[in-house]
Amino acid sequence: MVKQVESTKLFYKKYPYKISYIRLYGFPTTDMLSAYWWFDYPTSKKDMSRRKNCLQFLKSLVGTKFANSSFTHVYFEDKETFECALGRFEDLQREVHYPFIDNLEETLQNQKQRVEIKNSLYHKKYRYKIDLKCDDNLEHSLGPALVEMYIDHENYFLNTNMRKFAETDPIVTSVGSNIRYGYVFRHSNYNVYTVYCKEYIDMELMAFVTSENIIKITKALLKSELDK
């Protein structure tokens, strides 16, 4: 059964529609590689041929983009092309994404700032979130200062990584194979550092305080607030 998903964003900031297929291309050609292949793999020459035919058909369509991983993801610019693809090779489809409103692209383009369409506010309370980059300033100065000033403030919420600035070399305990072990948490660019703000005025203040480290500011736009 193909999973149906209502999308609230444009893929790659451009494509409203998406179909995920079983992997259509990019298979290893030797027995050695096949033995260590962890993705889906054609079970017969007929299976391989059908996947190739599907890929050839999809590549003939205009306004598409491809991304290959465990599945082959195909993105579509317009509804007509998307529906054309939906009607072919249905047995190879696994997931279909379509905009939850017809004018999603127009709605997003009309926003004056970056938005994320959601069913509820962040943590059911906060309208804005500010993502921060991790550098020496955040790790040694700004981060600890934000924890000291805002960790218990009702208009702000610091995510888990932000809260770790309150500790010196925090020990994280994990459990695996019935063995408990600890390791020292290290701040890194690979971690996500986010401050959630309740109202616009709270976001403005936090943006001023964290201006040198801001990656992006996002506003939660509720589905119930949109005119369908």
C-alpha atoms as a PDB file:
ATOM      1  CA  MET A   1       0.000   0.000   0.000  1.00  0.00           C
ATOM      2  CA  VAL A   2       1.342   3.415  -0.998  1.00  0.00           C
ATOM      3  CA  LYS A   3       1.674   5.817   1.912  1.00  0.00           C
ATOM      4  CA  GLN A   4      -0.084   9.165   1.360  1.00  0.00           C
ATOM      5  CA  VAL A   5       1.467  12.252   2.975  1.00  0.00           C
ATOM      6  CA  GLU A   6       0.134  15.807   3.055  1.00  0.00           C
ATOM      7  CA  SER A   7       3.092  18.140   2.590  1.00  0.00           C
ATOM      8  CA  THR A   8       3.441  21.583   4.169  1.00  0.00           C
ATOM      9  CA  LYS A   9       6.614  22.636   2.362  1.00  0.00           C
ATOM     10  CA  LEU A  10       8.195  22.912  -1.052  1.00  0.00           C
ATOM     11  CA  PHE A  11      10.903  20.327  -1.644  1.00  0.00           C
ATOM     12  CA  TYR A  12      14.173  22.075  -2.526  1.00  0.00           C
ATOM     13  CA  LYS A  13      12.140  25.311  -2.207  1.00  0.00           C
ATOM     14  CA  LYS A  14      10.590  24.583  -5.595  1.00  0.00           C
ATOM     15  CA  TYR A  15       8.699  21.277  -5.924  1.00  0.00           C
ATOM     16  CA  PRO A  16       5.236  20.813  -4.324  1.00  0.00           C
ATOM     17  CA  TYR A  17       4.927  17.116  -5.250  1.00  0.00           C
ATOM     18  CA  LYS A  18       7.007  14.024  -4.575  1.00  0.00           C
ATOM     19  CA  ILE A  19       6.802  10.292  -5.298  1.00  0.00           C
ATOM     20  CA  SER A  20       9.158   7.808  -3.646  1.00  0.00           C
ATOM     21  CA  TYR A  21       9.806   4.588  -5.566  1.00  0.00           C
ATOM     22  CA  ILE A  22      11.719   1.469  -4.688  1.00  0.00           C
ATOM     23  CA  ARG A  23      15.289   2.099  -5.780  1.00  0.00           C
ATOM     24  CA  LEU A  24      15.296   2.422  -9.569  1.00  0.00           C
ATOM     25  CA  TYR A  25      18.977   2.826 -10.421  1.00  0.00           C
ATOM     26  CA  GLY A  26      22.516   2.878  -9.064  1.00  0.00           C
ATOM     27  CA  PHE A  27      22.978  -0.827  -8.314  1.00  0.00           C
ATOM     28  CA  PRO A  28      26.357  -2.554  -7.912  1.00  0.00           C
ATOM     29  CA  THR A  29      27.386  -4.616 -10.942  1.00  0.00           C
ATOM     30  CA  THR A  30      29.661  -7.213  -9.347  1.00  0.00           C
ATOM     31  CA  ASP A  31      28.877 -10.168  -7.108  1.00  0.00           C
ATOM     32  CA  MET A  32      31.250  -8.869  -4.477  1.00  0.00           C
ATOM     33  CA  LEU A  33      29.448  -5.534  -4.175  1.00  0.00           C
ATOM     34  CA  SER A  34      26.042  -7.205  -4.282  1.00  0.00           C
ATOM     35  CA  ALA A  35      26.944  -9.355  -1.291  1.00  0.00           C
ATOM     36  CA  TYR A  36      27.458  -6.239   0.850  1.00  0.00           C
ATOM     37  CA  TRP A  37      24.612  -4.195  -0.598  1.00  0.00           C
ATOM     38  CA  TRP A  38      22.141  -3.124   2.107  1.00  0.00           C
ATOM     39  CA  PHE A  39      19.631  -1.310  -0.133  1.00  0.00           C
ATOM     40  CA  ASP A  40      16.845  -2.871  -2.148  1.00  0.00           C
ATOM     41  CA  TYR A  41      18.107  -4.915  -5.102  1.00  0.00           C
ATOM     42  CA  PRO A  42      16.239  -6.300  -8.155  1.00  0.00           C
ATOM     43  CA  THR A  43      15.315  -9.939  -7.676  1.00  0.00           C
ATOM     44  CA  SER A  44      15.311 -10.860 -11.377  1.00  0.00           C
ATOM     45  CA  LYS A  45      16.090  -9.586 -14.869  1.00  0.00           C
ATOM     46  CA  LYS A  46      12.397  -8.824 -15.290  1.00  0.00           C
ATOM     47  CA  ASP A  47      12.427  -6.777 -12.079  1.00  0.00           C
ATOM     48  CA  MET A  48      15.537  -4.883 -13.223  1.00  0.00           C
ATOM     49  CA  SER A  49      13.974  -4.208 -16.630  1.00  0.00           C
ATOM     50  CA  ARG A  50      10.793  -2.818 -15.090  1.00  0.00           C
ATOM     51  CA  ARG A  51      12.756  -0.459 -12.875  1.00  0.00           C
ATOM     52  CA  LYS A  52      14.770   0.759 -15.872  1.00  0.00           C
ATOM     53  CA  ASN A  53      11.580   1.338 -17.859  1.00  0.00           C
ATOM     54  CA  CYS A  54      10.092   3.292 -14.962  1.00  0.00           C
ATOM     55  CA  LEU A  55      13.190   5.458 -14.703  1.00  0.00           C
ATOM     56  CA  GLN A  56      13.199   6.079 -18.449  1.00  0.00           C
ATOM     57  CA  PHE A  57       9.547   7.140 -18.298  1.00  0.00           C
ATOM     58  CA  LEU A  58      10.129   9.494 -15.373  1.00  0.00           C
ATOM     59  CA  LYS A  59      13.148  11.096 -17.034  1.00  0.00           C
ATOM     60  CA  SER A  60      10.980  11.877 -20.067  1.00  0.00           C
ATOM     61  CA  LEU A  61       8.792  14.125 -17.936  1.00  0.00           C
ATOM     62  CA  VAL A  62       9.618  17.842 -17.692  1.00  0.00           C
ATOM     63  CA  GLY A  63       9.966  19.776 -14.440  1.00  0.00           C
ATOM     64  CA  THR A  64      11.314  16.907 -12.335  1.00  0.00           C
ATOM     65  CA  LYS A  65      14.232  16.336  -9.968  1.00  0.00           C
ATOM     66  CA  PHE A  66      15.724  13.026  -8.768  1.00  0.00           C
ATOM     67  CA  ALA A  67      17.382  11.970  -5.518  1.00  0.00           C
ATOM     68  CA  ASN A  68      18.592   8.414  -4.969  1.00  0.00           C
ATOM     69  CA  SER A  69      18.995   6.741  -1.568  1.00  0.00           C
ATOM     70  CA  SER A  70      17.299   3.630  -0.189  1.00  0.00           C
ATOM     71  CA  PHE A  71      14.397   4.853  -2.328  1.00  0.00           C
ATOM     72  CA  THR A  72      14.411   6.846  -5.552  1.00  0.00           C
ATOM     73  CA  HIS A  73      12.682  10.166  -4.843  1.00  0.00           C
ATOM     74  CA  VAL A  74      11.194  12.103  -7.745  1.00  0.00           C
ATOM     75  CA  TYR A  75      10.011  15.698  -7.329  1.00  0.00           C
ATOM     76  CA  PHE A  76       7.504  17.443  -9.574  1.00  0.00           C
ATOM     77  CA  GLU A  77       6.862  21.115 -10.287  1.00  0.00           C
ATOM     78  CA  ASP A  78       3.271  20.855 -11.526  1.00  0.00           C
ATOM     79  CA  LYS A  79       0.212  18.811 -10.674  1.00  0.00           C
ATOM     80  CA  GLU A  80      -0.439  17.551 -14.226  1.00  0.00           C
ATOM     81  CA  THR A  81       2.990  15.906 -14.521  1.00  0.00           C
ATOM     82  CA  PHE A  82       2.684  14.522 -10.984  1.00  0.00           C
ATOM     83  CA  GLU A  83      -0.684  12.915 -11.769  1.00  0.00           C
ATOM     84  CA  CYS A  84       0.706  11.508 -15.017  1.00  0.00           C
ATOM     85  CA  ALA A  85       3.471   9.789 -13.045  1.00  0.00           C
ATOM     86  CA  LEU A  86       1.012   8.527 -10.430  1.00  0.00           C
ATOM     87  CA  GLY A  87      -0.870   6.560 -13.069  1.00  0.00           C
ATOM     88  CA  ARG A  88       2.175   4.574 -14.228  1.00  0.00           C
ATOM     89  CA  PHE A  89       4.312   1.955 -12.465  1.00  0.00           C
ATOM     90  CA  GLU A  90       2.100   2.089  -9.377  1.00  0.00           C
ATOM     91  CA  ASP A  91       3.551  -1.190  -8.066  1.00  0.00           C
ATOM     92  CA  LEU A  92       6.956   0.500  -7.695  1.00  0.00           C
ATOM     93  CA  GLN A  93       5.624   3.452  -5.700  1.00  0.00           C
ATOM     94  CA  ARG A  94       6.005   3.490  -1.928  1.00  0.00           C
ATOM     95  CA  GLU A  95       5.176   7.028  -0.772  1.00  0.00           C
ATOM     96  CA  VAL A  96       3.369  10.015  -2.288  1.00  0.00           C
ATOM     97  CA  HIS A  97       3.621  13.596  -1.048  1.00  0.00           C
ATOM     98  CA  TYR A  98       1.192  16.291  -2.167  1.00  0.00           C
ATOM     99  CA  PRO A  99       0.514  19.821  -0.825  1.00  0.00           C
ATOM    100  CA  PHE A 100      -2.182  20.019   1.827  1.00  0.00           C
ATOM    101  CA  ILE A 101      -3.603  23.077   0.032  1.00  0.00           C
ATOM    102  CA  ASP A 102      -3.625  23.729  -3.709  1.00  0.00           C
ATOM    103  CA  ASN A 103      -2.013  27.165  -3.414  1.00  0.00           C
ATOM    104  CA  LEU A 104       0.823  26.106  -1.097  1.00  0.00           C
ATOM    105  CA  GLU A 105       3.547  27.633  -3.283  1.00  0.00           C
ATOM    106  CA  GLU A 106       1.716  30.977  -3.472  1.00  0.00           C
ATOM    107  CA  THR A 107       1.014  30.913   0.271  1.00  0.00           C
ATOM    108  CA  LEU A 108       4.687  30.401   1.117  1.00  0.00           C
ATOM    109  CA  GLN A 109       5.856  33.022  -1.374  1.00  0.00           C
ATOM    110  CA  ASN A 110       3.513  35.607   0.140  1.00  0.00           C
ATOM    111  CA  GLN A 111       5.079  35.266   3.587  1.00  0.00           C
ATOM    112  CA  LYS A 112       7.416  38.089   4.586  1.00  0.00           C
ATOM    113  CA  GLN A 113       9.658  35.747   6.571  1.00  0.00           C
ATOM    114  CA  ARG A 114      10.657  32.091   6.736  1.00  0.00           C
ATOM    115  CA  VAL A 115       7.738  30.008   7.965  1.00  0.00           C
ATOM    116  CA  GLU A 116       7.057  26.405   8.875  1.00  0.00           C
ATOM    117  CA  ILE A 117       3.447  25.288   8.498  1.00  0.00           C
ATOM    118  CA  LYS A 118       2.415  23.211  11.517  1.00  0.00           C
ATOM    119  CA  ASN A 119      -0.615  21.858  13.342  1.00  0.00           C
ATOM    120  CA  SER A 120       0.475  23.545  16.582  1.00  0.00           C
ATOM    121  CA  LEU A 121       3.076  25.958  17.889  1.00  0.00           C
ATOM    122  CA  TYR A 122       6.582  24.791  18.794  1.00  0.00           C
ATOM    123  CA  HIS A 123       6.208  22.874  22.053  1.00  0.00           C
ATOM    124  CA  LYS A 124       2.549  24.024  21.911  1.00  0.00           C
ATOM    125  CA  LYS A 125       3.533  27.503  23.098  1.00  0.00           C
ATOM    126  CA  TYR A 126       6.268  29.223  21.066  1.00  0.00           C
ATOM    127  CA  ARG A 127       5.694  31.055  17.774  1.00  0.00           C
ATOM    128  CA  TYR A 128       9.332  31.459  16.697  1.00  0.00           C
ATOM    129  CA  LYS A 129      12.539  29.467  16.747  1.00  0.00           C
ATOM    130  CA  ILE A 130      16.074  30.717  16.258  1.00  0.00           C
ATOM    131  CA  ASP A 131      18.749  28.275  15.115  1.00  0.00           C
ATOM    132  CA  LEU A 132      22.280  29.166  16.154  1.00  0.00           C
ATOM    133  CA  LYS A 133      25.669  28.123  14.772  1.00  0.00           C
ATOM    134  CA  CYS A 134      28.172  26.573  17.134  1.00  0.00           C
ATOM    135  CA  ASP A 135      31.508  28.374  17.388  1.00  0.00           C
ATOM    136  CA  ASP A 136      33.857  29.563  20.121  1.00  0.00           C
ATOM    137  CA  ASN A 137      31.546  32.471  20.897  1.00  0.00           C
ATOM    138  CA  LEU A 138      28.519  30.227  21.458  1.00  0.00           C
ATOM    139  CA  GLU A 139      30.443  27.570  23.360  1.00  0.00           C
ATOM    140  CA  HIS A 140      32.430  29.765  25.724  1.00  0.00           C
ATOM    141  CA  SER A 141      30.452  32.990  26.031  1.00  0.00           C
ATOM    142  CA  LEU A 142      27.009  33.279  24.467  1.00  0.00           C
ATOM    143  CA  GLY A 143      25.743  29.775  25.252  1.00  0.00           C
ATOM    144  CA  PRO A 144      26.448  29.843  28.994  1.00  0.00           C
ATOM    145  CA  ALA A 145      25.055  33.394  29.193  1.00  0.00           C
ATOM    146  CA  LEU A 146      21.803  32.367  27.477  1.00  0.00           C
ATOM    147  CA  VAL A 147      21.382  29.442  29.858  1.00  0.00           C
ATOM    148  CA  GLU A 148      21.945  31.688  32.863  1.00  0.00           C
ATOM    149  CA  MET A 149      19.453  34.328  31.691  1.00  0.00           C
ATOM    150  CA  TYR A 150      16.727  32.331  29.946  1.00  0.00           C
ATOM    151  CA  ILE A 151      16.662  28.696  31.062  1.00  0.00           C
ATOM    152  CA  ASP A 152      13.720  29.376  33.414  1.00  0.00           C
ATOM    153  CA  HIS A 153      12.139  32.259  31.462  1.00  0.00           C
ATOM    154  CA  GLU A 154       8.510  31.539  30.533  1.00  0.00           C
ATOM    155  CA  ASN A 155       8.819  33.296  27.151  1.00  0.00           C
ATOM    156  CA  TYR A 156      11.778  31.196  25.974  1.00  0.00           C
ATOM    157  CA  PHE A 157      12.688  27.542  25.696  1.00  0.00           C
ATOM    158  CA  LEU A 158      16.222  26.255  25.136  1.00  0.00           C
ATOM    159  CA  ASN A 159      16.639  22.908  23.404  1.00  0.00           C
ATOM    160  CA  THR A 160      18.656  20.086  24.963  1.00  0.00           C
ATOM    161  CA  ASN A 161      21.986  21.043  23.372  1.00  0.00           C
ATOM    162  CA  MET A 162      21.601  24.644  24.525  1.00  0.00           C
ATOM    163  CA  ARG A 163      20.897  23.499  28.080  1.00  0.00           C
ATOM    164  CA  LYS A 164      24.173  21.570  28.139  1.00  0.00           C
ATOM    165  CA  PHE A 165      26.029  24.887  28.276  1.00  0.00           C
ATOM    166  CA  ALA A 166      25.010  24.942  31.932  1.00  0.00           C
ATOM    167  CA  GLU A 167      27.385  22.071  32.644  1.00  0.00           C
ATOM    168  CA  THR A 168      31.144  21.657  32.487  1.00  0.00           C
ATOM    169  CA  ASP A 169      32.010  18.567  30.420  1.00  0.00           C
ATOM    170  CA  PRO A 170      28.579  16.984  31.014  1.00  0.00           C
ATOM    171  CA  ILE A 171      28.635  13.206  31.337  1.00  0.00           C
ATOM    172  CA  VAL A 172      26.018  11.505  29.178  1.00  0.00           C
ATOM    173  CA  THR A 173      24.999   8.028  30.335  1.00  0.00           C
ATOM    174  CA  SER A 174      23.765   5.450  27.829  1.00  0.00           C
ATOM    175  CA  VAL A 175      22.654   1.868  28.135  1.00  0.00           C
ATOM    176  CA  GLY A 176      23.632  -0.766  25.600  1.00  0.00           C
ATOM    177  CA  SER A 177      23.685  -4.556  25.817  1.00  0.00           C
ATOM    178  CA  ASN A 178      22.826  -4.233  29.538  1.00  0.00           C
ATOM    179  CA  ILE A 179      26.029  -2.251  30.096  1.00  0.00           C
ATOM    180  CA  ARG A 180      25.890   1.329  31.325  1.00  0.00           C
ATOM    181  CA  TYR A 181      28.612   3.621  30.101  1.00  0.00           C
ATOM    182  CA  GLY A 182      29.268   7.337  30.107  1.00  0.00           C
ATOM    183  CA  TYR A 183      30.929   9.740  27.717  1.00  0.00           C
ATOM    184  CA  VAL A 184      31.732  13.437  27.761  1.00  0.00           C
ATOM    185  CA  PHE A 185      29.377  15.483  25.601  1.00  0.00           C
ATOM    186  CA  ARG A 186      31.173  17.806  23.179  1.00  0.00           C
ATOM    187  CA  HIS A 187      29.598  20.782  21.464  1.00  0.00           C
ATOM    188  CA  SER A 188      29.870  20.648  17.701  1.00  0.00           C
ATOM    189  CA  ASN A 189      28.686  22.170  14.425  1.00  0.00           C
ATOM    190  CA  TYR A 190      26.866  18.879  13.852  1.00  0.00           C
ATOM    191  CA  ASN A 191      24.542  19.536  16.792  1.00  0.00           C
ATOM    192  CA  VAL A 192      21.404  21.646  16.579  1.00  0.00           C
ATOM    193  CA  TYR A 193      21.206  24.664  18.887  1.00  0.00           C
ATOM    194  CA  THR A 194      17.768  26.274  19.062  1.00  0.00           C
ATOM    195  CA  VAL A 195      16.032  28.920  21.154  1.00  0.00           C
ATOM    196  CA  TYR A 196      12.228  29.040  20.983  1.00  0.00           C
ATOM    197  CA  CYS A 197      10.501  32.393  21.517  1.00  0.00           C
ATOM    198  CA  LYS A 198       6.894  32.917  22.546  1.00  0.00           C
ATOM    199  CA  GLU A 199       6.006  36.146  20.721  1.00  0.00           C
ATOM    200  CA  TYR A 200       7.443  38.462  18.063  1.00  0.00           C
ATOM    201  CA  ILE A 201       8.851  40.892  20.635  1.00  0.00           C
ATOM    202  CA  ASP A 202      10.612  37.991  22.400  1.00  0.00           C
ATOM    203  CA  MET A 203      12.109  36.887  19.095  1.00  0.00           C
ATOM    204  CA  GLU A 204      13.348  40.412  18.341  1.00  0.00           C
ATOM    205  CA  LEU A 205      15.111  40.633  21.693  1.00  0.00           C
ATOM    206  CA  MET A 206      16.703  37.201  21.304  1.00  0.00           C
ATOM    207  CA  ALA A 207      17.735  38.003  17.712  1.00  0.00           C
ATOM    208  CA  PHE A 208      19.518  41.121  18.978  1.00  0.00           C
ATOM    209  CA  VAL A 209      21.313  39.170  21.710  1.00  0.00           C
ATOM    210  CA  THR A 210      22.352  36.295  19.418  1.00  0.00           C
ATOM    211  CA  SER A 211      22.825  38.236  16.159  1.00  0.00           C
ATOM    212  CA  GLU A 212      26.389  37.035  15.494  1.00  0.00           C
ATOM    213  CA  ASN A 213      25.402  33.358  15.695  1.00  0.00           C
ATOM    214  CA  ILE A 214      22.016  33.246  13.951  1.00  0.00           C
ATOM    215  CA  ILE A 215      21.617  30.688  11.181  1.00  0.00           C
ATOM    216  CA  LYS A 216      17.928  31.255  10.584  1.00  0.00           C
ATOM    217  CA  ILE A 217      14.722  32.448  12.230  1.00  0.00           C
ATOM    218  CA  THR A 218      11.523  30.513  11.551  1.00  0.00           C
ATOM    219  CA  LYS A 219       7.923  31.382  12.368  1.00  0.00           C
ATOM    220  CA  ALA A 220       5.317  28.701  13.076  1.00  0.00           C
ATOM    221  CA  LEU A 221       2.337  29.260  10.781  1.00  0.00           C
ATOM    222  CA  LEU A 222      -0.631  27.144  11.827  1.00  0.00           C
ATOM    223  CA  LYS A 223      -2.778  25.334   9.304  1.00  0.00           C
ATOM    224  CA  SER A 224      -5.841  26.695  11.076  1.00  0.00           C
ATOM    225  CA  GLU A 225      -4.629  30.238  10.352  1.00  0.00           C
ATOM    226  CA  LEU A 226      -4.590  29.727   6.594  1.00  0.00           C
ATOM    227  CA  ASP A 227      -7.534  30.381   4.330  1.00  0.00           C
ATOM    228  CA  LYS A 228      -8.080  27.167   2.441  1.00  0.00           C
END
